[in-house]
Amino acid sequence: AFNGTPSASSGLVPLGSTVTLTVSSLTQGDYHWRAWTEDQSAVVSGFSEFNGAVGVDFSVDTNDIPAGPSSLRQVRLVGTTAILTAANVNDAGVILKSIVTDPELNAVRAEFELKPLAAPFTGAGTILGPLVTSGGVSAAQALGLVPGTTYHWRCRAVDAGGLPCASWVDFNGAAAAFTAAR
C-alpha cells in the first residue's frame, strides 16, 4: 500500500522535462508505482497511477548466489578411484569433482582452477563442469598434465545465470593436490 512517502525523487527540472529515476534495493516481489510532481513552492500535484492502478506493473526476481562447493574430490581419469592428496598420478589427466548447490534450486555447475603448485591462482584458465541439479555432483576432466609437475586446485559454484558463489574453495588448503608422474 502507498503511504505518501516517495521511494525516489529527483531535483527540480525545467517544465516539460522527462525524469528518469532508479530505485535500488528492491526485494523479490510484485510492484505497482505512481508519480506526482512538486514545484519550487512545494505545491504538489495529484497522483498519476501507472497502468491506472490496476494489477502488477513489474516484478523483481532476485538471483541469490549459490552456496560454496563442498566435498571436493579428485579421481582417476578412468574409473572412480580416488587420488590421495599429494599422490603421484600416472594418467594423462584427472577428474575434479564437487557437490554444488543453489538456494533457489536452480541448475548449478562447478568451476575448477588447476595450476602448477608454484603458480598462484588467477581466476584464468578455468575448467567448467556441466550444469547439474542443485545438490548434485559437477565434475570436469583436467587433461594435459605436465609430467613431474605438482598441482594444486580450487573450485567454486556458478549458477545457470553465470553468478558465482562468494568465494573459491581450495582443495587441500591450496597445498599439493597431486603430482603428474607420467
N, C-alpha and C. Protein backbone atom coordinates (compact mmCIF):
# COMPACT_ATOMS: atom_id res chain seq x y z
N ALA A 1 0.84 -1.18 0.00
CA ALA A 1 0.00 0.00 0.00
C ALA A 1 0.88 1.24 0.00
N PHE A 2 0.43 2.25 -0.68
CA PHE A 2 1.16 3.52 -0.73
C PHE A 2 0.95 4.27 0.58
N ASN A 3 2.02 4.95 1.04
CA ASN A 3 1.91 5.73 2.27
C ASN A 3 2.22 7.21 2.07
N GLY A 4 2.43 7.65 0.82
CA GLY A 4 2.71 9.05 0.54
C GLY A 4 4.18 9.42 0.63
N THR A 5 5.01 8.51 1.07
CA THR A 5 6.45 8.77 1.15
C THR A 5 7.10 8.29 -0.14
N PRO A 6 7.83 9.15 -0.83
CA PRO A 6 8.44 8.73 -2.10
C PRO A 6 9.57 7.71 -1.88
N SER A 7 9.65 6.75 -2.80
CA SER A 7 10.74 5.78 -2.80
C SER A 7 11.97 6.37 -3.46
N ALA A 8 11.76 7.33 -4.35
CA ALA A 8 12.84 8.02 -5.04
C ALA A 8 12.31 9.36 -5.52
N SER A 9 13.19 10.33 -5.63
CA SER A 9 12.76 11.65 -6.13
C SER A 9 13.93 12.31 -6.84
N SER A 10 13.60 13.25 -7.70
CA SER A 10 14.62 13.99 -8.43
C SER A 10 14.68 15.41 -7.88
N GLY A 11 15.68 16.13 -8.32
CA GLY A 11 15.72 17.56 -8.04
C GLY A 11 14.78 18.28 -8.98
N LEU A 12 14.70 19.58 -8.86
CA LEU A 12 13.85 20.37 -9.75
C LEU A 12 14.40 20.30 -11.17
N VAL A 13 13.48 20.22 -12.14
CA VAL A 13 13.83 20.18 -13.55
C VAL A 13 12.98 21.20 -14.29
N PRO A 14 13.40 21.63 -15.49
CA PRO A 14 12.59 22.58 -16.26
C PRO A 14 11.23 22.00 -16.64
N LEU A 15 10.25 22.82 -16.74
CA LEU A 15 8.89 22.43 -17.13
C LEU A 15 8.92 21.62 -18.42
N GLY A 16 8.22 20.48 -18.43
CA GLY A 16 8.13 19.63 -19.61
C GLY A 16 9.23 18.61 -19.74
N SER A 17 10.15 18.59 -18.80
CA SER A 17 11.26 17.64 -18.85
C SER A 17 10.80 16.23 -18.50
N THR A 18 11.52 15.25 -19.00
CA THR A 18 11.31 13.86 -18.62
C THR A 18 12.31 13.52 -17.53
N VAL A 19 11.83 12.87 -16.48
CA VAL A 19 12.69 12.48 -15.37
C VAL A 19 12.77 10.96 -15.33
N THR A 20 13.98 10.45 -15.18
CA THR A 20 14.20 9.02 -15.01
C THR A 20 14.82 8.80 -13.64
N LEU A 21 14.27 7.87 -12.89
CA LEU A 21 14.77 7.56 -11.56
C LEU A 21 15.10 6.08 -11.45
N THR A 22 16.11 5.78 -10.67
CA THR A 22 16.45 4.40 -10.37
C THR A 22 16.15 4.13 -8.91
N VAL A 23 15.38 3.09 -8.67
CA VAL A 23 15.07 2.69 -7.30
C VAL A 23 15.84 1.41 -7.04
N SER A 24 16.76 1.46 -6.09
CA SER A 24 17.58 0.29 -5.79
C SER A 24 17.06 -0.40 -4.53
N SER A 25 17.65 -1.53 -4.24
CA SER A 25 17.33 -2.31 -3.03
C SER A 25 15.90 -2.85 -3.02
N LEU A 26 15.35 -3.10 -4.19
CA LEU A 26 14.04 -3.72 -4.23
C LEU A 26 14.18 -5.20 -3.90
N THR A 27 13.29 -5.72 -3.12
CA THR A 27 13.30 -7.14 -2.79
C THR A 27 12.44 -7.89 -3.80
N GLN A 28 12.55 -9.19 -3.76
CA GLN A 28 11.78 -10.01 -4.69
C GLN A 28 10.29 -9.80 -4.44
N GLY A 29 9.52 -9.63 -5.51
CA GLY A 29 8.08 -9.47 -5.39
C GLY A 29 7.49 -8.68 -6.53
N ASP A 30 6.19 -8.40 -6.42
CA ASP A 30 5.45 -7.65 -7.42
C ASP A 30 5.31 -6.21 -6.96
N TYR A 31 5.35 -5.28 -7.92
CA TYR A 31 5.32 -3.86 -7.60
C TYR A 31 4.32 -3.10 -8.47
N HIS A 32 3.83 -2.01 -7.90
CA HIS A 32 2.98 -1.04 -8.59
C HIS A 32 3.58 0.32 -8.26
N TRP A 33 3.51 1.26 -9.18
CA TRP A 33 4.08 2.57 -8.89
C TRP A 33 3.19 3.71 -9.33
N ARG A 34 3.47 4.86 -8.75
CA ARG A 34 2.75 6.08 -9.10
C ARG A 34 3.72 7.25 -8.98
N ALA A 35 3.33 8.39 -9.57
CA ALA A 35 4.20 9.56 -9.56
C ALA A 35 3.37 10.81 -9.29
N TRP A 36 4.05 11.83 -8.85
CA TRP A 36 3.45 13.15 -8.67
C TRP A 36 4.55 14.18 -8.81
N THR A 37 4.16 15.42 -8.97
CA THR A 37 5.14 16.49 -9.10
C THR A 37 5.00 17.46 -7.94
N GLU A 38 6.09 18.16 -7.72
CA GLU A 38 6.11 19.21 -6.69
C GLU A 38 6.94 20.35 -7.26
N ASP A 39 6.41 21.58 -7.20
CA ASP A 39 7.16 22.70 -7.75
C ASP A 39 8.04 23.37 -6.69
N GLN A 40 8.75 24.42 -7.12
CA GLN A 40 9.67 25.10 -6.21
C GLN A 40 8.98 25.74 -5.02
N SER A 41 7.67 25.90 -5.08
CA SER A 41 6.91 26.46 -3.96
C SER A 41 6.31 25.37 -3.08
N ALA A 42 6.66 24.13 -3.31
CA ALA A 42 6.18 22.97 -2.57
C ALA A 42 4.70 22.66 -2.83
N VAL A 43 4.19 23.12 -3.98
CA VAL A 43 2.82 22.78 -4.38
C VAL A 43 2.88 21.42 -5.07
N VAL A 44 2.05 20.49 -4.58
CA VAL A 44 2.08 19.10 -5.04
C VAL A 44 0.90 18.82 -5.95
N SER A 45 1.17 18.10 -7.05
CA SER A 45 0.09 17.70 -7.97
C SER A 45 -0.63 16.49 -7.39
N GLY A 46 -1.66 16.05 -8.08
CA GLY A 46 -2.30 14.79 -7.73
C GLY A 46 -1.43 13.62 -8.18
N PHE A 47 -1.76 12.42 -7.71
CA PHE A 47 -1.02 11.23 -8.08
C PHE A 47 -1.40 10.77 -9.47
N SER A 48 -0.42 10.27 -10.21
CA SER A 48 -0.66 9.65 -11.50
C SER A 48 -0.28 8.19 -11.35
N GLU A 49 -1.26 7.31 -11.40
CA GLU A 49 -1.03 5.87 -11.21
C GLU A 49 -0.59 5.26 -12.53
N PHE A 50 0.51 4.54 -12.50
CA PHE A 50 0.94 3.83 -13.69
C PHE A 50 -0.04 2.69 -13.93
N ASN A 51 -0.44 2.50 -15.16
CA ASN A 51 -1.34 1.42 -15.54
C ASN A 51 -2.71 1.57 -14.89
N GLY A 52 -3.05 2.80 -14.51
CA GLY A 52 -4.38 3.06 -13.96
C GLY A 52 -4.66 2.36 -12.64
N ALA A 53 -3.62 2.08 -11.86
CA ALA A 53 -3.77 1.44 -10.54
C ALA A 53 -4.34 0.03 -10.63
N VAL A 54 -4.19 -0.60 -11.78
CA VAL A 54 -4.73 -1.94 -11.96
C VAL A 54 -3.59 -2.93 -12.14
N GLY A 55 -3.55 -3.94 -11.31
CA GLY A 55 -2.59 -5.04 -11.47
C GLY A 55 -1.16 -4.70 -11.10
N VAL A 56 -0.29 -5.61 -11.50
CA VAL A 56 1.13 -5.51 -11.21
C VAL A 56 1.82 -4.76 -12.34
N ASP A 57 2.65 -3.79 -11.99
CA ASP A 57 3.39 -3.03 -13.01
C ASP A 57 4.69 -3.71 -13.40
N PHE A 58 5.38 -4.29 -12.43
CA PHE A 58 6.60 -5.05 -12.71
C PHE A 58 6.89 -5.96 -11.53
N SER A 59 7.73 -6.95 -11.78
CA SER A 59 8.14 -7.90 -10.75
C SER A 59 9.65 -7.93 -10.66
N VAL A 60 10.14 -8.21 -9.48
CA VAL A 60 11.57 -8.37 -9.25
C VAL A 60 11.82 -9.83 -8.87
N ASP A 61 12.70 -10.46 -9.60
CA ASP A 61 13.08 -11.84 -9.30
C ASP A 61 14.57 -11.82 -8.99
N THR A 62 14.91 -11.91 -7.74
CA THR A 62 16.32 -11.87 -7.36
C THR A 62 16.97 -13.22 -7.60
N ASN A 63 18.25 -13.19 -7.83
CA ASN A 63 19.03 -14.41 -8.02
C ASN A 63 20.08 -14.43 -6.93
N ASP A 64 19.89 -15.26 -5.93
CA ASP A 64 20.86 -15.36 -4.85
C ASP A 64 22.07 -16.16 -5.32
N ILE A 65 23.22 -15.83 -4.74
CA ILE A 65 24.44 -16.55 -5.12
C ILE A 65 24.36 -18.00 -4.66
N PRO A 66 24.97 -18.90 -5.42
CA PRO A 66 24.98 -20.30 -4.98
C PRO A 66 25.86 -20.46 -3.75
N ALA A 67 25.65 -21.55 -3.05
CA ALA A 67 26.50 -21.87 -1.89
C ALA A 67 27.87 -22.26 -2.39
N GLY A 68 28.86 -22.19 -1.51
CA GLY A 68 30.20 -22.64 -1.86
C GLY A 68 30.20 -24.14 -2.12
N PRO A 69 31.09 -24.61 -2.95
CA PRO A 69 31.14 -26.05 -3.25
C PRO A 69 31.55 -26.85 -2.02
N SER A 70 31.18 -28.11 -2.00
CA SER A 70 31.54 -28.99 -0.89
C SER A 70 32.00 -30.33 -1.43
N SER A 71 32.58 -31.14 -0.58
CA SER A 71 33.03 -32.49 -0.93
C SER A 71 33.91 -32.50 -2.16
N LEU A 72 34.92 -31.62 -2.19
CA LEU A 72 35.86 -31.60 -3.30
C LEU A 72 36.63 -32.91 -3.34
N ARG A 73 36.71 -33.49 -4.54
CA ARG A 73 37.39 -34.77 -4.72
C ARG A 73 38.17 -34.76 -6.02
N GLN A 74 39.19 -35.59 -6.04
CA GLN A 74 39.95 -35.83 -7.27
C GLN A 74 40.01 -37.33 -7.47
N VAL A 75 39.69 -37.76 -8.71
CA VAL A 75 39.66 -39.19 -9.01
C VAL A 75 40.42 -39.46 -10.30
N ARG A 76 40.75 -40.75 -10.48
CA ARG A 76 41.46 -41.15 -11.69
C ARG A 76 40.61 -40.89 -12.92
N LEU A 77 41.30 -40.64 -14.02
CA LEU A 77 40.63 -40.35 -15.28
C LEU A 77 39.76 -41.52 -15.75
N VAL A 78 40.22 -42.72 -15.49
CA VAL A 78 39.46 -43.91 -15.84
C VAL A 78 38.98 -44.54 -14.54
N GLY A 79 37.68 -44.63 -14.39
CA GLY A 79 37.13 -45.23 -13.18
C GLY A 79 36.79 -44.19 -12.13
N THR A 80 36.59 -44.69 -10.93
CA THR A 80 36.16 -43.80 -9.85
C THR A 80 37.12 -43.85 -8.66
N THR A 81 38.33 -44.35 -8.88
CA THR A 81 39.30 -44.48 -7.79
C THR A 81 39.78 -43.10 -7.35
N ALA A 82 39.64 -42.84 -6.06
CA ALA A 82 40.08 -41.56 -5.51
C ALA A 82 41.60 -41.43 -5.61
N ILE A 83 42.07 -40.21 -5.82
CA ILE A 83 43.50 -39.93 -5.81
C ILE A 83 43.81 -39.33 -4.44
N LEU A 84 44.70 -39.98 -3.72
CA LEU A 84 45.07 -39.49 -2.40
C LEU A 84 45.77 -38.13 -2.53
N THR A 85 45.62 -37.30 -1.53
CA THR A 85 46.25 -35.99 -1.52
C THR A 85 47.77 -36.15 -1.63
N ALA A 86 48.38 -35.39 -2.54
CA ALA A 86 49.82 -35.35 -2.80
C ALA A 86 50.34 -36.63 -3.45
N ALA A 87 49.46 -37.47 -3.96
CA ALA A 87 49.88 -38.72 -4.61
C ALA A 87 50.40 -38.46 -6.02
N ASN A 88 51.13 -39.45 -6.55
CA ASN A 88 51.56 -39.41 -7.95
C ASN A 88 50.43 -39.94 -8.81
N VAL A 89 50.22 -39.32 -9.96
CA VAL A 89 49.17 -39.72 -10.89
C VAL A 89 49.83 -40.18 -12.17
N ASN A 90 49.51 -41.39 -12.60
CA ASN A 90 50.11 -41.95 -13.81
C ASN A 90 49.19 -41.85 -15.02
N ASP A 91 48.08 -41.16 -14.90
CA ASP A 91 47.14 -40.99 -16.01
C ASP A 91 47.44 -39.70 -16.76
N ALA A 92 46.83 -39.56 -17.93
CA ALA A 92 47.02 -38.36 -18.75
C ALA A 92 46.26 -37.15 -18.17
N GLY A 93 45.45 -37.39 -17.17
CA GLY A 93 44.67 -36.31 -16.57
C GLY A 93 43.98 -36.82 -15.32
N VAL A 94 43.17 -35.98 -14.74
CA VAL A 94 42.40 -36.34 -13.55
C VAL A 94 40.98 -35.81 -13.73
N ILE A 95 40.08 -36.29 -12.89
CA ILE A 95 38.73 -35.74 -12.84
C ILE A 95 38.58 -35.02 -11.50
N LEU A 96 38.16 -33.78 -11.56
CA LEU A 96 37.91 -32.98 -10.36
C LEU A 96 36.41 -32.95 -10.14
N LYS A 97 35.98 -33.11 -8.88
CA LYS A 97 34.55 -33.20 -8.57
C LYS A 97 34.19 -32.33 -7.38
N SER A 98 32.94 -31.92 -7.36
CA SER A 98 32.43 -31.16 -6.23
C SER A 98 30.91 -31.26 -6.20
N ILE A 99 30.36 -31.21 -5.00
CA ILE A 99 28.91 -31.06 -4.85
C ILE A 99 28.61 -29.57 -4.88
N VAL A 100 27.63 -29.18 -5.68
CA VAL A 100 27.26 -27.77 -5.83
C VAL A 100 25.77 -27.60 -5.55
N THR A 101 25.44 -26.52 -4.85
CA THR A 101 24.05 -26.26 -4.50
C THR A 101 23.69 -24.80 -4.75
N ASP A 102 22.42 -24.59 -5.01
CA ASP A 102 21.89 -23.24 -5.25
C ASP A 102 20.67 -23.06 -4.35
N PRO A 103 20.58 -21.95 -3.60
CA PRO A 103 19.47 -21.77 -2.67
C PRO A 103 18.10 -21.73 -3.34
N GLU A 104 18.04 -21.36 -4.61
CA GLU A 104 16.77 -21.34 -5.33
C GLU A 104 16.54 -22.63 -6.12
N LEU A 105 17.42 -23.58 -5.93
CA LEU A 105 17.35 -24.89 -6.60
C LEU A 105 17.51 -24.78 -8.11
N ASN A 106 18.18 -23.71 -8.57
CA ASN A 106 18.49 -23.58 -9.99
C ASN A 106 19.62 -24.53 -10.34
N ALA A 107 19.76 -24.81 -11.62
CA ALA A 107 20.90 -25.61 -12.08
C ALA A 107 22.19 -24.87 -11.72
N VAL A 108 23.22 -25.63 -11.41
CA VAL A 108 24.48 -25.04 -10.96
C VAL A 108 25.63 -25.94 -11.42
N ARG A 109 26.81 -25.37 -11.56
CA ARG A 109 27.96 -26.14 -12.01
C ARG A 109 29.17 -25.80 -11.16
N ALA A 110 30.19 -26.63 -11.27
CA ALA A 110 31.47 -26.36 -10.61
C ALA A 110 32.41 -25.73 -11.63
N GLU A 111 33.17 -24.77 -11.17
CA GLU A 111 34.25 -24.18 -11.97
C GLU A 111 35.55 -24.47 -11.23
N PHE A 112 36.47 -25.12 -11.91
CA PHE A 112 37.73 -25.53 -11.30
C PHE A 112 38.88 -24.72 -11.87
N GLU A 113 39.84 -24.41 -11.02
CA GLU A 113 41.07 -23.78 -11.47
C GLU A 113 42.23 -24.65 -11.01
N LEU A 114 42.95 -25.20 -11.97
CA LEU A 114 44.07 -26.10 -11.72
C LEU A 114 45.35 -25.41 -12.18
N LYS A 115 46.33 -25.33 -11.29
CA LYS A 115 47.59 -24.67 -11.61
C LYS A 115 48.76 -25.48 -11.04
N PRO A 116 49.96 -25.34 -11.65
CA PRO A 116 51.14 -25.89 -11.01
C PRO A 116 51.26 -25.27 -9.61
N LEU A 117 51.76 -26.03 -8.66
CA LEU A 117 51.83 -25.58 -7.28
C LEU A 117 52.58 -24.26 -7.14
N ALA A 118 53.59 -24.04 -7.97
CA ALA A 118 54.39 -22.81 -7.89
C ALA A 118 53.63 -21.59 -8.44
N ALA A 119 52.56 -21.81 -9.16
CA ALA A 119 51.81 -20.70 -9.78
C ALA A 119 50.64 -20.29 -8.90
N PRO A 120 50.44 -18.98 -8.73
CA PRO A 120 49.29 -18.53 -7.93
C PRO A 120 47.98 -18.68 -8.72
N PHE A 121 46.90 -18.77 -8.00
CA PHE A 121 45.59 -18.78 -8.65
C PHE A 121 45.29 -17.38 -9.19
N THR A 122 44.71 -17.33 -10.38
CA THR A 122 44.42 -16.04 -11.03
C THR A 122 42.96 -15.92 -11.46
N GLY A 123 42.23 -17.02 -11.46
CA GLY A 123 40.86 -17.00 -11.98
C GLY A 123 40.81 -17.23 -13.48
N ALA A 124 41.95 -17.38 -14.13
CA ALA A 124 42.01 -17.60 -15.58
C ALA A 124 42.27 -19.07 -15.87
N GLY A 125 41.89 -19.49 -17.06
CA GLY A 125 42.15 -20.86 -17.49
C GLY A 125 41.36 -21.89 -16.70
N THR A 126 40.13 -21.58 -16.39
CA THR A 126 39.33 -22.49 -15.58
C THR A 126 38.69 -23.58 -16.43
N ILE A 127 38.25 -24.61 -15.76
CA ILE A 127 37.59 -25.76 -16.39
C ILE A 127 36.18 -25.83 -15.81
N LEU A 128 35.18 -25.88 -16.67
CA LEU A 128 33.78 -25.91 -16.21
C LEU A 128 33.22 -27.32 -16.21
N GLY A 129 32.57 -27.68 -15.12
CA GLY A 129 31.80 -28.90 -15.08
C GLY A 129 30.44 -28.64 -15.71
N PRO A 130 29.66 -29.67 -15.93
CA PRO A 130 28.33 -29.48 -16.52
C PRO A 130 27.35 -28.91 -15.49
N LEU A 131 26.30 -28.26 -15.98
CA LEU A 131 25.22 -27.85 -15.09
C LEU A 131 24.54 -29.10 -14.56
N VAL A 132 24.26 -29.11 -13.26
CA VAL A 132 23.60 -30.23 -12.61
C VAL A 132 22.47 -29.69 -11.73
N THR A 133 21.61 -30.56 -11.31
CA THR A 133 20.56 -30.20 -10.37
C THR A 133 21.21 -29.79 -9.05
N SER A 134 20.66 -28.78 -8.40
CA SER A 134 21.20 -28.34 -7.12
C SER A 134 21.35 -29.51 -6.17
N GLY A 135 22.52 -29.61 -5.54
CA GLY A 135 22.83 -30.72 -4.66
C GLY A 135 23.54 -31.87 -5.35
N GLY A 136 23.75 -31.74 -6.66
CA GLY A 136 24.40 -32.80 -7.43
C GLY A 136 25.90 -32.61 -7.52
N VAL A 137 26.54 -33.59 -8.14
CA VAL A 137 27.98 -33.56 -8.34
C VAL A 137 28.28 -33.04 -9.74
N SER A 138 29.10 -32.00 -9.80
CA SER A 138 29.58 -31.48 -11.08
C SER A 138 31.05 -31.84 -11.17
N ALA A 139 31.47 -32.39 -12.30
CA ALA A 139 32.84 -32.87 -12.46
C ALA A 139 33.39 -32.42 -13.80
N ALA A 140 34.71 -32.31 -13.86
CA ALA A 140 35.37 -31.93 -15.11
C ALA A 140 36.70 -32.65 -15.23
N GLN A 141 37.06 -32.96 -16.45
CA GLN A 141 38.36 -33.58 -16.71
C GLN A 141 39.42 -32.49 -16.82
N ALA A 142 40.54 -32.72 -16.17
CA ALA A 142 41.71 -31.85 -16.30
C ALA A 142 42.75 -32.65 -17.08
N LEU A 143 42.97 -32.27 -18.32
CA LEU A 143 43.87 -33.01 -19.21
C LEU A 143 45.13 -32.18 -19.48
N GLY A 144 46.09 -32.78 -20.12
CA GLY A 144 47.30 -32.06 -20.49
C GLY A 144 48.25 -31.80 -19.34
N LEU A 145 48.27 -32.72 -18.38
CA LEU A 145 49.16 -32.57 -17.24
C LEU A 145 50.62 -32.69 -17.68
N VAL A 146 51.49 -31.89 -17.09
CA VAL A 146 52.91 -31.91 -17.43
C VAL A 146 53.63 -32.87 -16.48
N PRO A 147 54.30 -33.91 -17.02
CA PRO A 147 54.99 -34.87 -16.15
C PRO A 147 55.98 -34.17 -15.20
N GLY A 148 55.98 -34.64 -13.96
CA GLY A 148 56.88 -34.10 -12.96
C GLY A 148 56.36 -32.83 -12.29
N THR A 149 55.19 -32.38 -12.67
CA THR A 149 54.64 -31.15 -12.11
C THR A 149 53.66 -31.48 -11.00
N THR A 150 53.80 -30.78 -9.89
CA THR A 150 52.86 -30.90 -8.78
C THR A 150 51.80 -29.81 -8.94
N TYR A 151 50.55 -30.19 -8.75
CA TYR A 151 49.43 -29.26 -8.97
C TYR A 151 48.68 -28.97 -7.67
N HIS A 152 48.01 -27.83 -7.69
CA HIS A 152 47.00 -27.51 -6.67
C HIS A 152 45.77 -27.01 -7.42
N TRP A 153 44.62 -27.06 -6.76
CA TRP A 153 43.41 -26.63 -7.43
C TRP A 153 42.39 -26.09 -6.45
N ARG A 154 41.44 -25.36 -7.02
CA ARG A 154 40.34 -24.82 -6.24
C ARG A 154 39.07 -24.89 -7.06
N CYS A 155 37.96 -24.61 -6.39
CA CYS A 155 36.66 -24.76 -7.04
C CYS A 155 35.70 -23.69 -6.52
N ARG A 156 34.75 -23.34 -7.36
CA ARG A 156 33.64 -22.50 -6.92
C ARG A 156 32.38 -22.95 -7.66
N ALA A 157 31.23 -22.66 -7.08
CA ALA A 157 29.95 -22.98 -7.72
C ALA A 157 29.50 -21.77 -8.53
N VAL A 158 28.90 -22.04 -9.70
CA VAL A 158 28.39 -20.99 -10.58
C VAL A 158 27.00 -21.41 -11.04
N ASP A 159 26.00 -20.54 -10.85
CA ASP A 159 24.64 -20.93 -11.24
C ASP A 159 24.44 -20.79 -12.74
N ALA A 160 23.29 -21.24 -13.22
CA ALA A 160 22.99 -21.26 -14.65
C ALA A 160 23.02 -19.88 -15.27
N GLY A 161 22.80 -18.84 -14.45
CA GLY A 161 22.86 -17.47 -14.95
C GLY A 161 24.27 -16.89 -14.97
N GLY A 162 25.27 -17.68 -14.53
CA GLY A 162 26.65 -17.22 -14.52
C GLY A 162 27.08 -16.55 -13.22
N LEU A 163 26.21 -16.57 -12.20
CA LEU A 163 26.53 -15.93 -10.92
C LEU A 163 27.35 -16.89 -10.07
N PRO A 164 28.60 -16.50 -9.70
CA PRO A 164 29.43 -17.40 -8.88
C PRO A 164 29.13 -17.25 -7.39
N CYS A 165 29.54 -18.26 -6.63
CA CYS A 165 29.42 -18.18 -5.18
C CYS A 165 30.38 -17.11 -4.66
N ALA A 166 30.29 -16.81 -3.38
CA ALA A 166 31.04 -15.70 -2.80
C ALA A 166 32.55 -15.89 -2.86
N SER A 167 33.04 -17.11 -2.76
CA SER A 167 34.49 -17.30 -2.77
C SER A 167 34.85 -18.70 -3.27
N TRP A 168 36.09 -18.81 -3.71
CA TRP A 168 36.64 -20.09 -4.13
C TRP A 168 36.91 -20.94 -2.89
N VAL A 169 36.91 -22.26 -3.07
CA VAL A 169 37.27 -23.20 -2.02
C VAL A 169 38.50 -23.97 -2.51
N ASP A 170 39.58 -23.88 -1.75
CA ASP A 170 40.82 -24.56 -2.12
C ASP A 170 40.76 -26.03 -1.73
N PHE A 171 41.20 -26.89 -2.65
CA PHE A 171 41.37 -28.30 -2.31
C PHE A 171 42.66 -28.41 -1.50
N ASN A 172 42.61 -29.08 -0.38
CA ASN A 172 43.77 -29.30 0.48
C ASN A 172 44.43 -27.98 0.90
N GLY A 173 43.61 -26.95 1.12
CA GLY A 173 44.16 -25.68 1.58
C GLY A 173 45.15 -25.06 0.62
N ALA A 174 45.01 -25.30 -0.65
CA ALA A 174 45.88 -24.80 -1.73
C ALA A 174 47.27 -25.44 -1.70
N ALA A 175 47.47 -26.46 -0.87
CA ALA A 175 48.73 -27.21 -0.87
C ALA A 175 48.71 -28.22 -2.00
N ALA A 176 49.73 -29.04 -2.10
CA ALA A 176 49.84 -30.01 -3.17
C ALA A 176 48.62 -30.94 -3.22
N ALA A 177 48.04 -31.05 -4.39
CA ALA A 177 46.90 -31.95 -4.58
C ALA A 177 47.38 -33.29 -5.14
N PHE A 178 48.24 -33.23 -6.17
CA PHE A 178 48.80 -34.43 -6.79
C PHE A 178 49.98 -34.02 -7.67
N THR A 179 50.76 -35.01 -8.06
CA THR A 179 51.89 -34.79 -8.98
C THR A 179 51.68 -35.67 -10.20
N ALA A 180 51.83 -35.07 -11.38
CA ALA A 180 51.72 -35.82 -12.62
C ALA A 180 53.00 -36.60 -12.81
N ALA A 181 52.94 -37.91 -12.74
CA ALA A 181 54.13 -38.74 -12.83
C ALA A 181 54.40 -39.18 -14.25
N ARG A 182 53.45 -39.12 -15.10
CA ARG A 182 53.56 -39.63 -16.47
C ARG A 182 53.96 -38.55 -17.42
